[in-house]
Amino acid sequence: VFTLFYPAERQTHLYRYIYNNLSNENILYTDQNPYLIDDLKPSFYVSFLPNISKINDENNYKYKNISLIINDYDIYKSILEENLNCKKIYNSYPEKIIDLNKNWKKRNLNWFIVKCN
């Protein structure tokens, strides 16, 4: 019964977080555009969200005053390790659940938002 009331697609939870907490932020994404689901824009969900853009080159980017949406676990971990000014503010699944099965990290099931000041 619990799953009947919650969407199976975790991006909708991400959209809610962005709408409630990041409406006036500079938002970038690294690998996969979070506003697309299977290469389609779910206009019902994203029409009221702030604009986002893809980061050009994550290796040479200065992470200052941005919110960064990441879907790749390895990129997420490297950004946190290399940039002490960045902190995780959202993830769609608790990391302990993803750690239960190492293959889930490769499948990019979890969405992260990292805030860099």
C-alpha atoms as a PDB file:
ATOM      1  CA  VAL A   1       0.000   0.000   0.000  1.00  0.00           C
ATOM      2  CA  PHE A   2       2.884   2.363   0.774  1.00  0.00           C
ATOM      3  CA  THR A   3       4.187   2.299  -2.800  1.00  0.00           C
ATOM      4  CA  LEU A   4       0.791   3.191  -4.222  1.00  0.00           C
ATOM      5  CA  PHE A   5       1.141   6.745  -2.948  1.00  0.00           C
ATOM      6  CA  TYR A   6       4.752   7.376  -3.917  1.00  0.00           C
ATOM      7  CA  PRO A   7       6.102   7.496  -7.476  1.00  0.00           C
ATOM      8  CA  ALA A   8       8.526   4.733  -8.415  1.00  0.00           C
ATOM      9  CA  GLU A   9      10.672   7.251 -10.306  1.00  0.00           C
ATOM     10  CA  ARG A  10      12.919   8.889  -7.702  1.00  0.00           C
ATOM     11  CA  GLN A  11      13.422  11.994  -9.818  1.00  0.00           C
ATOM     12  CA  THR A  12      10.016  13.293  -8.758  1.00  0.00           C
ATOM     13  CA  HIS A  13      11.283  13.492  -5.183  1.00  0.00           C
ATOM     14  CA  LEU A  14      14.294  15.355  -6.491  1.00  0.00           C
ATOM     15  CA  TYR A  15      11.975  17.833  -8.227  1.00  0.00           C
ATOM     16  CA  ARG A  16      10.090  18.439  -4.995  1.00  0.00           C
ATOM     17  CA  TYR A  17      13.331  19.126  -3.137  1.00  0.00           C
ATOM     18  CA  ILE A  18      14.520  21.537  -5.824  1.00  0.00           C
ATOM     19  CA  TYR A  19      11.190  23.371  -5.862  1.00  0.00           C
ATOM     20  CA  ASN A  20      11.045  23.717  -2.068  1.00  0.00           C
ATOM     21  CA  ASN A  21      14.699  24.472  -1.361  1.00  0.00           C
ATOM     22  CA  LEU A  22      16.649  25.638  -4.414  1.00  0.00           C
ATOM     23  CA  SER A  23      14.383  27.954  -6.384  1.00  0.00           C
ATOM     24  CA  ASN A  24      16.835  30.873  -6.261  1.00  0.00           C
ATOM     25  CA  GLU A  25      20.054  28.912  -6.626  1.00  0.00           C
ATOM     26  CA  ASN A  26      22.580  28.486  -9.407  1.00  0.00           C
ATOM     27  CA  ILE A  27      21.977  24.809 -10.285  1.00  0.00           C
ATOM     28  CA  LEU A  28      24.220  22.673 -12.471  1.00  0.00           C
ATOM     29  CA  TYR A  29      24.285  18.967 -13.244  1.00  0.00           C
ATOM     30  CA  THR A  30      27.208  16.722 -14.129  1.00  0.00           C
ATOM     31  CA  ASP A  31      26.319  13.681 -16.154  1.00  0.00           C
ATOM     32  CA  GLN A  32      22.616  13.073 -16.705  1.00  0.00           C
ATOM     33  CA  ASN A  33      20.028  15.844 -17.009  1.00  0.00           C
ATOM     34  CA  PRO A  34      17.691  15.349 -14.040  1.00  0.00           C
ATOM     35  CA  TYR A  35      14.866  17.130 -15.864  1.00  0.00           C
ATOM     36  CA  LEU A  36      14.671  14.301 -18.415  1.00  0.00           C
ATOM     37  CA  ILE A  37      13.227  10.847 -17.815  1.00  0.00           C
ATOM     38  CA  ASP A  38      14.076   8.379 -20.608  1.00  0.00           C
ATOM     39  CA  ASP A  39      15.081  11.376 -22.778  1.00  0.00           C
ATOM     40  CA  LEU A  40      11.652  12.980 -22.358  1.00  0.00           C
ATOM     41  CA  LYS A  41      10.864  16.117 -20.412  1.00  0.00           C
ATOM     42  CA  PRO A  42       8.079  15.481 -17.881  1.00  0.00           C
ATOM     43  CA  SER A  43       6.580  18.969 -18.243  1.00  0.00           C
ATOM     44  CA  PHE A  44       3.997  18.352 -15.540  1.00  0.00           C
ATOM     45  CA  TYR A  45       6.802  18.084 -12.979  1.00  0.00           C
ATOM     46  CA  VAL A  46       9.518  20.404 -14.261  1.00  0.00           C
ATOM     47  CA  SER A  47       7.637  23.363 -15.713  1.00  0.00           C
ATOM     48  CA  PHE A  48       7.838  25.284 -12.410  1.00  0.00           C
ATOM     49  CA  LEU A  49      11.407  24.388 -11.549  1.00  0.00           C
ATOM     50  CA  PRO A  50      14.361  26.759 -11.986  1.00  0.00           C
ATOM     51  CA  ASN A  51      16.550  26.450 -15.064  1.00  0.00           C
ATOM     52  CA  ILE A  52      19.604  24.250 -14.845  1.00  0.00           C
ATOM     53  CA  SER A  53      22.609  23.775 -17.079  1.00  0.00           C
ATOM     54  CA  LYS A  54      25.259  21.142 -17.592  1.00  0.00           C
ATOM     55  CA  ILE A  55      28.650  21.750 -16.111  1.00  0.00           C
ATOM     56  CA  ASN A  56      31.200  22.006 -18.921  1.00  0.00           C
ATOM     57  CA  ASP A  57      34.209  20.266 -17.444  1.00  0.00           C
ATOM     58  CA  GLU A  58      33.880  18.998 -13.906  1.00  0.00           C
ATOM     59  CA  ASN A  59      37.623  18.505 -13.506  1.00  0.00           C
ATOM     60  CA  ASN A  60      38.498  22.152 -14.076  1.00  0.00           C
ATOM     61  CA  TYR A  61      35.419  23.786 -12.591  1.00  0.00           C
ATOM     62  CA  LYS A  62      35.691  25.907  -9.472  1.00  0.00           C
ATOM     63  CA  TYR A  63      32.921  24.746  -7.181  1.00  0.00           C
ATOM     64  CA  LYS A  64      31.751  28.016  -5.651  1.00  0.00           C
ATOM     65  CA  ASN A  65      28.215  29.200  -4.922  1.00  0.00           C
ATOM     66  CA  ILE A  66      26.487  26.413  -6.816  1.00  0.00           C
ATOM     67  CA  SER A  67      24.196  23.494  -6.221  1.00  0.00           C
ATOM     68  CA  LEU A  68      25.320  20.491  -8.188  1.00  0.00           C
ATOM     69  CA  ILE A  69      23.021  17.595  -9.142  1.00  0.00           C
ATOM     70  CA  ILE A  70      24.862  14.315  -9.612  1.00  0.00           C
ATOM     71  CA  ASN A  71      23.661  10.865 -10.631  1.00  0.00           C
ATOM     72  CA  ASP A  72      27.023   9.102 -10.847  1.00  0.00           C
ATOM     73  CA  TYR A  73      28.235   7.778  -7.482  1.00  0.00           C
ATOM     74  CA  ASP A  74      31.939   7.986  -8.395  1.00  0.00           C
ATOM     75  CA  ILE A  75      31.662  11.616  -9.504  1.00  0.00           C
ATOM     76  CA  TYR A  76      29.718  12.427  -6.331  1.00  0.00           C
ATOM     77  CA  LYS A  77      32.401  10.889  -4.094  1.00  0.00           C
ATOM     78  CA  SER A  78      35.281  12.544  -5.955  1.00  0.00           C
ATOM     79  CA  ILE A  79      33.677  15.990  -5.754  1.00  0.00           C
ATOM     80  CA  LEU A  80      33.180  15.655  -2.003  1.00  0.00           C
ATOM     81  CA  GLU A  81      36.729  14.389  -1.460  1.00  0.00           C
ATOM     82  CA  GLU A  82      38.413  17.033  -3.623  1.00  0.00           C
ATOM     83  CA  ASN A  83      36.303  20.038  -2.582  1.00  0.00           C
ATOM     84  CA  LEU A  84      36.042  20.595   1.140  1.00  0.00           C
ATOM     85  CA  ASN A  85      33.635  23.496   0.568  1.00  0.00           C
ATOM     86  CA  CYS A  86      31.012  21.084  -0.874  1.00  0.00           C
ATOM     87  CA  LYS A  87      28.482  19.248   1.274  1.00  0.00           C
ATOM     88  CA  LYS A  88      25.737  16.803   0.393  1.00  0.00           C
ATOM     89  CA  ILE A  89      22.308  18.305   1.033  1.00  0.00           C
ATOM     90  CA  TYR A  90      20.088  15.692  -0.638  1.00  0.00           C
ATOM     91  CA  ASN A  91      20.102  12.108  -1.841  1.00  0.00           C
ATOM     92  CA  SER A  92      17.135  10.146  -3.111  1.00  0.00           C
ATOM     93  CA  TYR A  93      18.060   6.913  -1.313  1.00  0.00           C
ATOM     94  CA  PRO A  94      20.045   6.608   1.906  1.00  0.00           C
ATOM     95  CA  GLU A  95      23.619   5.706   1.063  1.00  0.00           C
ATOM     96  CA  LYS A  96      23.487   2.735   3.440  1.00  0.00           C
ATOM     97  CA  ILE A  97      20.850   1.139   1.222  1.00  0.00           C
ATOM     98  CA  ILE A  98      23.000   1.655  -1.875  1.00  0.00           C
ATOM     99  CA  ASP A  99      26.000   0.207  -0.005  1.00  0.00           C
ATOM    100  CA  LEU A 100      24.125  -3.074   0.518  1.00  0.00           C
ATOM    101  CA  ASN A 101      24.645  -3.981  -3.117  1.00  0.00           C
ATOM    102  CA  LYS A 102      27.747  -2.658  -4.893  1.00  0.00           C
ATOM    103  CA  ASN A 103      26.080  -3.049  -8.314  1.00  0.00           C
ATOM    104  CA  TRP A 104      23.536  -0.368  -7.382  1.00  0.00           C
ATOM    105  CA  LYS A 105      26.347   2.203  -7.335  1.00  0.00           C
ATOM    106  CA  LYS A 106      27.128   1.383 -10.966  1.00  0.00           C
ATOM    107  CA  ARG A 107      23.483   1.667 -12.020  1.00  0.00           C
ATOM    108  CA  ASN A 108      23.133   5.329 -10.958  1.00  0.00           C
ATOM    109  CA  LEU A 109      19.968   4.811  -8.948  1.00  0.00           C
ATOM    110  CA  ASN A 110      20.653   7.571  -6.474  1.00  0.00           C
ATOM    111  CA  TRP A 111      20.385  11.319  -7.121  1.00  0.00           C
ATOM    112  CA  PHE A 112      22.606  13.618  -5.064  1.00  0.00           C
ATOM    113  CA  ILE A 113      22.576  17.359  -4.591  1.00  0.00           C
ATOM    114  CA  VAL A 114      25.817  18.879  -3.400  1.00  0.00           C
ATOM    115  CA  LYS A 115      25.965  22.497  -2.221  1.00  0.00           C
ATOM    116  CA  CYS A 116      29.287  24.258  -2.712  1.00  0.00           C
ATOM    117  CA  ASN A 117      29.956  27.588  -1.012  1.00  0.00           C
END
